[in-house]
Protein backbone atom coordinates (compact mmCIF):
# COMPACT_ATOMS: atom_id res chain seq x y z
CA UNK A 1 0.00 0.00 0.00
CA UNK A 2 1.11 3.54 -0.67
CA UNK A 3 0.90 4.48 2.99
CA UNK A 4 2.43 2.59 5.91
CA UNK A 5 -0.82 2.34 7.87
CA UNK A 6 0.58 1.00 11.12
CA UNK A 7 3.34 3.61 11.16
CA UNK A 8 0.74 6.32 10.61
CA UNK A 9 -1.43 4.94 13.42
CA UNK A 10 1.60 5.00 15.72
CA UNK A 11 2.07 8.67 14.86
CA UNK A 12 -1.58 9.61 15.38
CA UNK A 13 -1.87 7.56 18.61
CA UNK A 14 -5.68 7.73 18.73
CA UNK A 15 -8.26 6.09 16.48
CA UNK A 16 -11.85 7.35 16.71
CA UNK A 17 -14.14 4.31 16.72
CA UNK A 18 -17.40 5.33 15.07
CA UNK A 19 -20.84 3.73 14.76
CA UNK A 20 -22.68 5.87 12.24
CA UNK A 21 -26.41 5.56 11.54
CA UNK A 22 -26.67 8.12 8.74
CA UNK A 23 -24.08 8.07 5.98
CA UNK A 24 -25.13 11.60 5.03
CA UNK A 25 -23.29 12.79 8.15
CA UNK A 26 -20.03 11.07 7.21
CA UNK A 27 -18.44 13.89 5.23
CA UNK A 28 -19.08 16.55 7.88
CA UNK A 29 -17.84 14.16 10.56
CA UNK A 30 -14.65 13.52 8.58
CA UNK A 31 -14.13 17.26 8.17
CA UNK A 32 -14.58 17.71 11.93
CA UNK A 33 -11.91 15.13 12.73
CA UNK A 34 -9.47 16.63 10.23
CA UNK A 35 -10.10 20.10 11.68
CA UNK A 36 -9.26 18.68 15.10
CA UNK A 37 -5.92 17.37 13.89
CA UNK A 38 -6.99 13.72 13.94
CA UNK A 39 -7.36 12.56 10.33
CA UNK A 40 -8.28 8.96 11.04
CA UNK A 41 -11.53 7.02 11.49
CA UNK A 42 -12.51 3.44 12.21
CA UNK A 43 -16.10 2.99 11.05
CA UNK A 44 -17.59 -0.10 12.67
CA UNK A 45 -19.84 -2.54 10.83
CA UNK A 46 -22.50 -2.40 13.53
CA UNK A 47 -24.93 -0.25 11.54
CA UNK A 48 -26.55 -0.50 8.13
CA UNK A 49 -24.87 2.78 7.13
CA UNK A 50 -21.28 1.62 7.69
CA UNK A 51 -20.47 0.66 4.10
CA UNK A 52 -21.94 3.85 2.62
CA UNK A 53 -20.20 5.96 5.27
CA UNK A 54 -16.82 4.43 4.40
CA UNK A 55 -17.47 5.14 0.70
CA UNK A 56 -18.28 8.76 1.50
CA UNK A 57 -15.23 9.20 3.71
CA UNK A 58 -12.90 7.54 1.21
CA UNK A 59 -13.83 10.18 -1.38
CA UNK A 60 -12.37 12.87 0.89
CA UNK A 61 -8.82 11.63 0.49
CA UNK A 62 -7.61 13.24 3.71
CA UNK A 63 -8.42 10.50 6.22
CA UNK A 64 -6.75 7.25 7.16
CA UNK A 65 -9.80 5.04 6.97
CA UNK A 66 -10.44 1.77 8.77
CA UNK A 67 -13.35 -0.63 9.08
CA UNK A 68 -14.05 -2.17 12.47
CA UNK A 69 -16.18 -4.98 13.90
CA UNK A 70 -15.46 -7.05 10.81
CA UNK A 71 -16.84 -10.51 11.62
CA UNK A 72 -16.57 -12.40 8.34
CA UNK A 73 -15.19 -12.39 4.81
CA UNK A 74 -18.34 -10.87 3.33
CA UNK A 75 -18.08 -7.80 5.55
CA UNK A 76 -14.34 -7.63 4.93
CA UNK A 77 -14.74 -7.51 1.17
CA UNK A 78 -17.51 -4.90 1.39
CA UNK A 79 -15.30 -2.75 3.60
CA UNK A 80 -12.33 -3.00 1.26
CA UNK A 81 -14.47 -2.31 -1.81
CA UNK A 82 -15.84 0.77 -0.03
CA UNK A 83 -12.33 2.12 0.50
CA UNK A 84 -11.18 0.92 3.92
CA UNK A 85 -7.39 1.06 4.28
CA UNK A 86 -7.12 -1.07 7.40
CA UNK A 87 -9.25 -3.67 9.17
CA UNK A 88 -10.03 -4.12 12.85
CA UNK A 89 -11.81 -7.18 14.26
CA UNK A 90 -13.23 -7.79 17.75
CA UNK A 91 -11.71 -11.28 17.94
CA UNK A 92 -9.24 -13.47 16.08
CA UNK A 93 -11.01 -14.78 12.97
CA UNK A 94 -8.51 -17.03 11.12
CA UNK A 95 -10.23 -16.63 7.73
CA UNK A 96 -10.37 -12.83 7.92
CA UNK A 97 -6.77 -12.62 9.15
CA UNK A 98 -5.53 -15.01 6.45
CA UNK A 99 -7.27 -13.01 3.70
CA UNK A 100 -5.79 -9.75 4.94
CA UNK A 101 -2.29 -11.20 5.25
CA UNK A 102 -2.48 -12.75 1.77
CA UNK A 103 -3.70 -9.49 0.21
CA UNK A 104 -1.38 -7.28 2.29
CA UNK A 105 -4.24 -5.49 4.02
CA UNK A 106 -3.24 -4.10 7.44
CA UNK A 107 -5.28 -5.80 10.15
CA UNK A 108 -5.34 -5.55 13.93
CA UNK A 109 -7.35 -8.54 15.15
CA UNK A 110 -8.92 -8.49 18.60
CA UNK A 111 -6.99 -10.41 21.25
CA UNK A 112 -7.12 -10.65 25.02
CA UNK A 113 -5.30 -13.90 25.82
CA UNK A 114 -1.80 -15.23 25.27
CA UNK A 115 -3.25 -17.92 22.99
CA UNK A 116 -4.78 -15.33 20.67
CA UNK A 117 -1.61 -13.24 20.64
CA UNK A 118 0.33 -16.38 19.74
CA UNK A 119 -2.04 -17.02 16.85
CA UNK A 120 -1.44 -13.49 15.61
CA UNK A 121 2.32 -14.03 15.76
CA UNK A 122 1.97 -17.26 13.79
CA UNK A 123 0.04 -15.28 11.16
CA UNK A 124 2.98 -12.89 10.84
CA UNK A 125 1.36 -9.96 12.65
CA UNK A 126 3.15 -7.68 15.11
CA UNK A 127 0.25 -5.40 16.08
CA UNK A 128 -3.02 -6.57 17.62
CA UNK A 129 -6.04 -4.97 19.21
CA UNK A 130 -6.42 -5.50 22.96
CA UNK A 131 -10.17 -5.75 23.43
CA UNK A 132 -12.19 -5.19 25.54
CA UNK A 133 -9.39 -3.35 27.28
CA UNK A 134 -10.95 -2.07 30.49
CA UNK A 135 -13.37 -5.00 30.92
CA UNK A 136 -10.43 -7.41 30.56
CA UNK A 137 -8.51 -5.81 33.41
CA UNK A 138 -7.17 -2.67 31.79
CA UNK A 139 -3.56 -1.61 31.67
CA UNK A 140 -2.53 -3.98 34.48
CA UNK A 141 -3.68 -7.01 32.46
CA UNK A 142 -2.21 -5.65 29.25
CA UNK A 143 1.22 -5.16 30.84
CA UNK A 144 1.15 -8.66 32.30
CA UNK A 145 0.30 -10.26 28.95
CA UNK A 146 2.61 -7.98 26.94
CA UNK A 147 5.58 -8.81 29.16
CA UNK A 148 6.03 -12.18 27.45
CA UNK A 149 5.42 -10.76 23.96
CA UNK A 150 8.02 -8.01 23.71
CA UNK A 151 7.84 -8.15 19.91
CA UNK A 152 4.12 -7.35 19.86
CA UNK A 153 2.46 -3.94 19.98
CA UNK A 154 -1.13 -3.33 21.01
CA UNK A 155 -4.10 -1.12 20.20
CA UNK A 156 -6.24 -1.09 23.36
CA UNK A 157 -9.91 -0.43 22.67
CA UNK A 158 -12.96 -0.65 24.89
CA UNK A 159 -13.42 1.62 27.86
CA UNK A 160 -10.68 4.04 26.81
CA UNK A 161 -11.53 7.59 27.92
CA UNK A 162 -9.73 10.94 28.17
CA UNK A 163 -9.15 10.06 31.83
CA UNK A 164 -7.16 6.86 31.19
CA UNK A 165 -5.85 7.53 27.68
CA UNK A 166 -2.55 9.00 28.82
CA UNK A 167 -1.75 6.02 31.04
CA UNK A 168 -2.24 3.64 28.12
CA UNK A 169 -0.25 5.75 25.67
CA UNK A 170 2.70 5.98 28.04
CA UNK A 171 3.11 2.19 27.89
CA UNK A 172 5.75 1.62 25.23
CA UNK A 173 4.05 -1.44 23.71
CA UNK A 174 0.89 0.53 22.94
CA UNK A 175 0.87 1.59 19.28
CA UNK A 176 -2.37 3.60 19.55
CA UNK A 177 -5.70 3.55 21.36
CA UNK A 178 -9.18 3.20 19.93
CA UNK A 179 -11.82 5.43 21.46
CA UNK A 180 -15.56 5.85 20.95
CA UNK A 181 -15.91 9.02 23.04
CA UNK A 182 -14.70 11.22 20.19
CA UNK A 183 -17.66 10.59 17.88
CA UNK A 184 -20.70 9.37 19.77
CA UNK A 185 -24.07 8.57 18.26
CA UNK A 186 -25.51 11.51 20.19
CA UNK A 187 -23.00 13.96 18.71
CA UNK A 188 -23.75 12.66 15.22
CA UNK A 189 -27.52 12.70 15.71
CA UNK A 190 -27.39 16.29 16.94
CA UNK A 191 -24.86 17.28 14.25
CA UNK A 192 -22.48 18.61 16.89
CA UNK A 193 -19.49 18.57 14.56
CA UNK A 194 -17.80 21.48 16.36
CA UNK A 195 -17.82 19.37 19.52
CA UNK A 196 -16.19 16.47 17.62
CA UNK A 197 -13.44 18.86 16.52
CA UNK A 198 -13.01 20.05 20.10
CA UNK A 199 -12.76 16.48 21.45
CA UNK A 200 -10.27 15.58 18.72
CA UNK A 201 -8.06 18.54 19.64
CA UNK A 202 -8.13 17.49 23.30
CA UNK A 203 -7.15 13.93 22.36
CA UNK A 204 -4.32 15.16 20.15
CA UNK A 205 -3.03 17.26 23.06
CA UNK A 206 -3.05 14.19 25.33
CA UNK A 207 -1.15 12.21 22.70
CA UNK A 208 1.45 14.99 22.55
CA UNK A 209 1.87 14.72 26.34
CA UNK A 210 2.44 10.98 26.03
CA UNK A 211 5.14 11.50 23.41
CA UNK A 212 6.91 14.03 25.61
CA UNK A 213 7.37 11.53 28.48
C-alpha atoms as a PDB file:
ATOM      1  CA  UNK A   1       0.000   0.000   0.000  1.00  0.00           C
ATOM      2  CA  UNK A   2       1.113   3.541  -0.670  1.00  0.00           C
ATOM      3  CA  UNK A   3       0.900   4.481   2.991  1.00  0.00           C
ATOM      4  CA  UNK A   4       2.435   2.592   5.915  1.00  0.00           C
ATOM      5  CA  UNK A   5      -0.815   2.337   7.867  1.00  0.00           C
ATOM      6  CA  UNK A   6       0.583   1.000  11.123  1.00  0.00           C
ATOM      7  CA  UNK A   7       3.341   3.605  11.157  1.00  0.00           C
ATOM      8  CA  UNK A   8       0.742   6.321  10.610  1.00  0.00           C
ATOM      9  CA  UNK A   9      -1.425   4.944  13.421  1.00  0.00           C
ATOM     10  CA  UNK A  10       1.596   4.998  15.718  1.00  0.00           C
ATOM     11  CA  UNK A  11       2.073   8.673  14.858  1.00  0.00           C
ATOM     12  CA  UNK A  12      -1.576   9.609  15.380  1.00  0.00           C
ATOM     13  CA  UNK A  13      -1.867   7.560  18.614  1.00  0.00           C
ATOM     14  CA  UNK A  14      -5.679   7.734  18.733  1.00  0.00           C
ATOM     15  CA  UNK A  15      -8.258   6.086  16.480  1.00  0.00           C
ATOM     16  CA  UNK A  16     -11.854   7.348  16.706  1.00  0.00           C
ATOM     17  CA  UNK A  17     -14.143   4.308  16.716  1.00  0.00           C
ATOM     18  CA  UNK A  18     -17.396   5.326  15.065  1.00  0.00           C
ATOM     19  CA  UNK A  19     -20.838   3.728  14.764  1.00  0.00           C
ATOM     20  CA  UNK A  20     -22.681   5.870  12.245  1.00  0.00           C
ATOM     21  CA  UNK A  21     -26.413   5.556  11.539  1.00  0.00           C
ATOM     22  CA  UNK A  22     -26.671   8.121   8.742  1.00  0.00           C
ATOM     23  CA  UNK A  23     -24.079   8.069   5.978  1.00  0.00           C
ATOM     24  CA  UNK A  24     -25.125  11.600   5.026  1.00  0.00           C
ATOM     25  CA  UNK A  25     -23.287  12.791   8.150  1.00  0.00           C
ATOM     26  CA  UNK A  26     -20.033  11.072   7.209  1.00  0.00           C
ATOM     27  CA  UNK A  27     -18.437  13.892   5.228  1.00  0.00           C
ATOM     28  CA  UNK A  28     -19.082  16.550   7.880  1.00  0.00           C
ATOM     29  CA  UNK A  29     -17.838  14.163  10.558  1.00  0.00           C
ATOM     30  CA  UNK A  30     -14.650  13.523   8.585  1.00  0.00           C
ATOM     31  CA  UNK A  31     -14.131  17.257   8.172  1.00  0.00           C
ATOM     32  CA  UNK A  32     -14.577  17.713  11.929  1.00  0.00           C
ATOM     33  CA  UNK A  33     -11.906  15.128  12.733  1.00  0.00           C
ATOM     34  CA  UNK A  34      -9.474  16.630  10.229  1.00  0.00           C
ATOM     35  CA  UNK A  35     -10.100  20.099  11.681  1.00  0.00           C
ATOM     36  CA  UNK A  36      -9.261  18.683  15.103  1.00  0.00           C
ATOM     37  CA  UNK A  37      -5.920  17.370  13.889  1.00  0.00           C
ATOM     38  CA  UNK A  38      -6.991  13.718  13.943  1.00  0.00           C
ATOM     39  CA  UNK A  39      -7.363  12.561  10.329  1.00  0.00           C
ATOM     40  CA  UNK A  40      -8.282   8.959  11.041  1.00  0.00           C
ATOM     41  CA  UNK A  41     -11.531   7.020  11.495  1.00  0.00           C
ATOM     42  CA  UNK A  42     -12.513   3.436  12.211  1.00  0.00           C
ATOM     43  CA  UNK A  43     -16.100   2.985  11.046  1.00  0.00           C
ATOM     44  CA  UNK A  44     -17.590  -0.102  12.667  1.00  0.00           C
ATOM     45  CA  UNK A  45     -19.844  -2.535  10.829  1.00  0.00           C
ATOM     46  CA  UNK A  46     -22.501  -2.395  13.534  1.00  0.00           C
ATOM     47  CA  UNK A  47     -24.930  -0.253  11.538  1.00  0.00           C
ATOM     48  CA  UNK A  48     -26.547  -0.503   8.131  1.00  0.00           C
ATOM     49  CA  UNK A  49     -24.873   2.777   7.133  1.00  0.00           C
ATOM     50  CA  UNK A  50     -21.281   1.617   7.689  1.00  0.00           C
ATOM     51  CA  UNK A  51     -20.474   0.662   4.096  1.00  0.00           C
ATOM     52  CA  UNK A  52     -21.937   3.852   2.620  1.00  0.00           C
ATOM     53  CA  UNK A  53     -20.200   5.956   5.271  1.00  0.00           C
ATOM     54  CA  UNK A  54     -16.821   4.433   4.401  1.00  0.00           C
ATOM     55  CA  UNK A  55     -17.470   5.145   0.702  1.00  0.00           C
ATOM     56  CA  UNK A  56     -18.283   8.762   1.502  1.00  0.00           C
ATOM     57  CA  UNK A  57     -15.233   9.196   3.712  1.00  0.00           C
ATOM     58  CA  UNK A  58     -12.899   7.541   1.207  1.00  0.00           C
ATOM     59  CA  UNK A  59     -13.828  10.178  -1.376  1.00  0.00           C
ATOM     60  CA  UNK A  60     -12.374  12.871   0.891  1.00  0.00           C
ATOM     61  CA  UNK A  61      -8.821  11.627   0.488  1.00  0.00           C
ATOM     62  CA  UNK A  62      -7.609  13.244   3.710  1.00  0.00           C
ATOM     63  CA  UNK A  63      -8.419  10.496   6.221  1.00  0.00           C
ATOM     64  CA  UNK A  64      -6.749   7.246   7.165  1.00  0.00           C
ATOM     65  CA  UNK A  65      -9.797   5.037   6.973  1.00  0.00           C
ATOM     66  CA  UNK A  66     -10.441   1.773   8.773  1.00  0.00           C
ATOM     67  CA  UNK A  67     -13.350  -0.633   9.082  1.00  0.00           C
ATOM     68  CA  UNK A  68     -14.053  -2.172  12.469  1.00  0.00           C
ATOM     69  CA  UNK A  69     -16.176  -4.982  13.904  1.00  0.00           C
ATOM     70  CA  UNK A  70     -15.457  -7.054  10.806  1.00  0.00           C
ATOM     71  CA  UNK A  71     -16.838 -10.505  11.622  1.00  0.00           C
ATOM     72  CA  UNK A  72     -16.572 -12.404   8.337  1.00  0.00           C
ATOM     73  CA  UNK A  73     -15.191 -12.388   4.812  1.00  0.00           C
ATOM     74  CA  UNK A  74     -18.344 -10.874   3.327  1.00  0.00           C
ATOM     75  CA  UNK A  75     -18.084  -7.796   5.554  1.00  0.00           C
ATOM     76  CA  UNK A  76     -14.339  -7.635   4.926  1.00  0.00           C
ATOM     77  CA  UNK A  77     -14.744  -7.510   1.168  1.00  0.00           C
ATOM     78  CA  UNK A  78     -17.514  -4.902   1.390  1.00  0.00           C
ATOM     79  CA  UNK A  79     -15.296  -2.747   3.604  1.00  0.00           C
ATOM     80  CA  UNK A  80     -12.331  -2.999   1.260  1.00  0.00           C
ATOM     81  CA  UNK A  81     -14.475  -2.306  -1.813  1.00  0.00           C
ATOM     82  CA  UNK A  82     -15.836   0.770  -0.034  1.00  0.00           C
ATOM     83  CA  UNK A  83     -12.332   2.117   0.500  1.00  0.00           C
ATOM     84  CA  UNK A  84     -11.179   0.925   3.919  1.00  0.00           C
ATOM     85  CA  UNK A  85      -7.393   1.058   4.282  1.00  0.00           C
ATOM     86  CA  UNK A  86      -7.122  -1.071   7.400  1.00  0.00           C
ATOM     87  CA  UNK A  87      -9.246  -3.670   9.168  1.00  0.00           C
ATOM     88  CA  UNK A  88     -10.032  -4.121  12.850  1.00  0.00           C
ATOM     89  CA  UNK A  89     -11.806  -7.178  14.263  1.00  0.00           C
ATOM     90  CA  UNK A  90     -13.227  -7.793  17.749  1.00  0.00           C
ATOM     91  CA  UNK A  91     -11.712 -11.278  17.938  1.00  0.00           C
ATOM     92  CA  UNK A  92      -9.241 -13.471  16.076  1.00  0.00           C
ATOM     93  CA  UNK A  93     -11.010 -14.777  12.971  1.00  0.00           C
ATOM     94  CA  UNK A  94      -8.510 -17.030  11.120  1.00  0.00           C
ATOM     95  CA  UNK A  95     -10.227 -16.627   7.729  1.00  0.00           C
ATOM     96  CA  UNK A  96     -10.366 -12.833   7.924  1.00  0.00           C
ATOM     97  CA  UNK A  97      -6.768 -12.624   9.147  1.00  0.00           C
ATOM     98  CA  UNK A  98      -5.531 -15.007   6.449  1.00  0.00           C
ATOM     99  CA  UNK A  99      -7.269 -13.015   3.698  1.00  0.00           C
ATOM    100  CA  UNK A 100      -5.786  -9.748   4.937  1.00  0.00           C
ATOM    101  CA  UNK A 101      -2.287 -11.204   5.253  1.00  0.00           C
ATOM    102  CA  UNK A 102      -2.482 -12.752   1.767  1.00  0.00           C
ATOM    103  CA  UNK A 103      -3.695  -9.488   0.214  1.00  0.00           C
ATOM    104  CA  UNK A 104      -1.376  -7.276   2.287  1.00  0.00           C
ATOM    105  CA  UNK A 105      -4.243  -5.488   4.022  1.00  0.00           C
ATOM    106  CA  UNK A 106      -3.239  -4.100   7.436  1.00  0.00           C
ATOM    107  CA  UNK A 107      -5.280  -5.800  10.152  1.00  0.00           C
ATOM    108  CA  UNK A 108      -5.343  -5.553  13.931  1.00  0.00           C
ATOM    109  CA  UNK A 109      -7.347  -8.538  15.153  1.00  0.00           C
ATOM    110  CA  UNK A 110      -8.917  -8.491  18.600  1.00  0.00           C
ATOM    111  CA  UNK A 111      -6.994 -10.413  21.252  1.00  0.00           C
ATOM    112  CA  UNK A 112      -7.121 -10.652  25.018  1.00  0.00           C
ATOM    113  CA  UNK A 113      -5.297 -13.897  25.820  1.00  0.00           C
ATOM    114  CA  UNK A 114      -1.797 -15.233  25.267  1.00  0.00           C
ATOM    115  CA  UNK A 115      -3.252 -17.915  22.990  1.00  0.00           C
ATOM    116  CA  UNK A 116      -4.783 -15.329  20.667  1.00  0.00           C
ATOM    117  CA  UNK A 117      -1.606 -13.244  20.636  1.00  0.00           C
ATOM    118  CA  UNK A 118       0.333 -16.382  19.740  1.00  0.00           C
ATOM    119  CA  UNK A 119      -2.045 -17.023  16.847  1.00  0.00           C
ATOM    120  CA  UNK A 120      -1.435 -13.485  15.608  1.00  0.00           C
ATOM    121  CA  UNK A 121       2.323 -14.028  15.758  1.00  0.00           C
ATOM    122  CA  UNK A 122       1.967 -17.258  13.793  1.00  0.00           C
ATOM    123  CA  UNK A 123       0.042 -15.277  11.160  1.00  0.00           C
ATOM    124  CA  UNK A 124       2.978 -12.890  10.841  1.00  0.00           C
ATOM    125  CA  UNK A 125       1.364  -9.957  12.652  1.00  0.00           C
ATOM    126  CA  UNK A 126       3.154  -7.682  15.110  1.00  0.00           C
ATOM    127  CA  UNK A 127       0.247  -5.405  16.079  1.00  0.00           C
ATOM    128  CA  UNK A 128      -3.019  -6.572  17.618  1.00  0.00           C
ATOM    129  CA  UNK A 129      -6.040  -4.968  19.206  1.00  0.00           C
ATOM    130  CA  UNK A 130      -6.417  -5.499  22.964  1.00  0.00           C
ATOM    131  CA  UNK A 131     -10.172  -5.753  23.435  1.00  0.00           C
ATOM    132  CA  UNK A 132     -12.193  -5.185  25.536  1.00  0.00           C
ATOM    133  CA  UNK A 133      -9.387  -3.349  27.284  1.00  0.00           C
ATOM    134  CA  UNK A 134     -10.950  -2.072  30.491  1.00  0.00           C
ATOM    135  CA  UNK A 135     -13.367  -5.002  30.922  1.00  0.00           C
ATOM    136  CA  UNK A 136     -10.426  -7.409  30.558  1.00  0.00           C
ATOM    137  CA  UNK A 137      -8.514  -5.808  33.413  1.00  0.00           C
ATOM    138  CA  UNK A 138      -7.166  -2.667  31.794  1.00  0.00           C
ATOM    139  CA  UNK A 139      -3.561  -1.609  31.674  1.00  0.00           C
ATOM    140  CA  UNK A 140      -2.531  -3.981  34.476  1.00  0.00           C
ATOM    141  CA  UNK A 141      -3.675  -7.008  32.464  1.00  0.00           C
ATOM    142  CA  UNK A 142      -2.206  -5.646  29.248  1.00  0.00           C
ATOM    143  CA  UNK A 143       1.220  -5.162  30.840  1.00  0.00           C
ATOM    144  CA  UNK A 144       1.149  -8.663  32.301  1.00  0.00           C
ATOM    145  CA  UNK A 145       0.304 -10.256  28.948  1.00  0.00           C
ATOM    146  CA  UNK A 146       2.610  -7.981  26.941  1.00  0.00           C
ATOM    147  CA  UNK A 147       5.582  -8.812  29.163  1.00  0.00           C
ATOM    148  CA  UNK A 148       6.030 -12.183  27.454  1.00  0.00           C
ATOM    149  CA  UNK A 149       5.424 -10.755  23.958  1.00  0.00           C
ATOM    150  CA  UNK A 150       8.022  -8.011  23.711  1.00  0.00           C
ATOM    151  CA  UNK A 151       7.838  -8.153  19.913  1.00  0.00           C
ATOM    152  CA  UNK A 152       4.120  -7.346  19.863  1.00  0.00           C
ATOM    153  CA  UNK A 153       2.457  -3.942  19.977  1.00  0.00           C
ATOM    154  CA  UNK A 154      -1.126  -3.331  21.013  1.00  0.00           C
ATOM    155  CA  UNK A 155      -4.096  -1.120  20.200  1.00  0.00           C
ATOM    156  CA  UNK A 156      -6.238  -1.086  23.356  1.00  0.00           C
ATOM    157  CA  UNK A 157      -9.915  -0.435  22.666  1.00  0.00           C
ATOM    158  CA  UNK A 158     -12.960  -0.654  24.893  1.00  0.00           C
ATOM    159  CA  UNK A 159     -13.416   1.624  27.855  1.00  0.00           C
ATOM    160  CA  UNK A 160     -10.680   4.041  26.806  1.00  0.00           C
ATOM    161  CA  UNK A 161     -11.528   7.587  27.924  1.00  0.00           C
ATOM    162  CA  UNK A 162      -9.735  10.936  28.167  1.00  0.00           C
ATOM    163  CA  UNK A 163      -9.146  10.062  31.833  1.00  0.00           C
ATOM    164  CA  UNK A 164      -7.157   6.865  31.194  1.00  0.00           C
ATOM    165  CA  UNK A 165      -5.850   7.528  27.683  1.00  0.00           C
ATOM    166  CA  UNK A 166      -2.546   9.003  28.819  1.00  0.00           C
ATOM    167  CA  UNK A 167      -1.748   6.015  31.037  1.00  0.00           C
ATOM    168  CA  UNK A 168      -2.242   3.635  28.118  1.00  0.00           C
ATOM    169  CA  UNK A 169      -0.252   5.750  25.665  1.00  0.00           C
ATOM    170  CA  UNK A 170       2.696   5.977  28.042  1.00  0.00           C
ATOM    171  CA  UNK A 171       3.114   2.186  27.887  1.00  0.00           C
ATOM    172  CA  UNK A 172       5.748   1.619  25.230  1.00  0.00           C
ATOM    173  CA  UNK A 173       4.050  -1.435  23.709  1.00  0.00           C
ATOM    174  CA  UNK A 174       0.889   0.531  22.940  1.00  0.00           C
ATOM    175  CA  UNK A 175       0.867   1.592  19.284  1.00  0.00           C
ATOM    176  CA  UNK A 176      -2.366   3.601  19.545  1.00  0.00           C
ATOM    177  CA  UNK A 177      -5.699   3.548  21.364  1.00  0.00           C
ATOM    178  CA  UNK A 178      -9.178   3.196  19.929  1.00  0.00           C
ATOM    179  CA  UNK A 179     -11.820   5.428  21.460  1.00  0.00           C
ATOM    180  CA  UNK A 180     -15.560   5.847  20.948  1.00  0.00           C
ATOM    181  CA  UNK A 181     -15.912   9.016  23.039  1.00  0.00           C
ATOM    182  CA  UNK A 182     -14.698  11.223  20.187  1.00  0.00           C
ATOM    183  CA  UNK A 183     -17.655  10.594  17.876  1.00  0.00           C
ATOM    184  CA  UNK A 184     -20.700   9.369  19.773  1.00  0.00           C
ATOM    185  CA  UNK A 185     -24.072   8.569  18.257  1.00  0.00           C
ATOM    186  CA  UNK A 186     -25.505  11.510  20.193  1.00  0.00           C
ATOM    187  CA  UNK A 187     -23.003  13.957  18.715  1.00  0.00           C
ATOM    188  CA  UNK A 188     -23.748  12.659  15.224  1.00  0.00           C
ATOM    189  CA  UNK A 189     -27.517  12.696  15.706  1.00  0.00           C
ATOM    190  CA  UNK A 190     -27.390  16.287  16.935  1.00  0.00           C
ATOM    191  CA  UNK A 191     -24.863  17.278  14.248  1.00  0.00           C
ATOM    192  CA  UNK A 192     -22.475  18.609  16.890  1.00  0.00           C
ATOM    193  CA  UNK A 193     -19.491  18.571  14.557  1.00  0.00           C
ATOM    194  CA  UNK A 194     -17.800  21.477  16.356  1.00  0.00           C
ATOM    195  CA  UNK A 195     -17.815  19.368  19.523  1.00  0.00           C
ATOM    196  CA  UNK A 196     -16.194  16.466  17.624  1.00  0.00           C
ATOM    197  CA  UNK A 197     -13.444  18.857  16.523  1.00  0.00           C
ATOM    198  CA  UNK A 198     -13.010  20.046  20.104  1.00  0.00           C
ATOM    199  CA  UNK A 199     -12.760  16.481  21.452  1.00  0.00           C
ATOM    200  CA  UNK A 200     -10.270  15.583  18.719  1.00  0.00           C
ATOM    201  CA  UNK A 201      -8.064  18.535  19.642  1.00  0.00           C
ATOM    202  CA  UNK A 202      -8.134  17.488  23.300  1.00  0.00           C
ATOM    203  CA  UNK A 203      -7.153  13.929  22.364  1.00  0.00           C
ATOM    204  CA  UNK A 204      -4.317  15.162  20.154  1.00  0.00           C
ATOM    205  CA  UNK A 205      -3.035  17.258  23.057  1.00  0.00           C
ATOM    206  CA  UNK A 206      -3.046  14.186  25.326  1.00  0.00           C
ATOM    207  CA  UNK A 207      -1.149  12.206  22.697  1.00  0.00           C
ATOM    208  CA  UNK A 208       1.447  14.989  22.554  1.00  0.00           C
ATOM    209  CA  UNK A 209       1.868  14.715  26.339  1.00  0.00           C
ATOM    210  CA  UNK A 210       2.435  10.978  26.031  1.00  0.00           C
ATOM    211  CA  UNK A 211       5.141  11.496  23.407  1.00  0.00           C
ATOM    212  CA  UNK A 212       6.909  14.027  25.613  1.00  0.00           C
ATOM    213  CA  UNK A 213       7.369  11.531  28.476  1.00  0.00           C
END
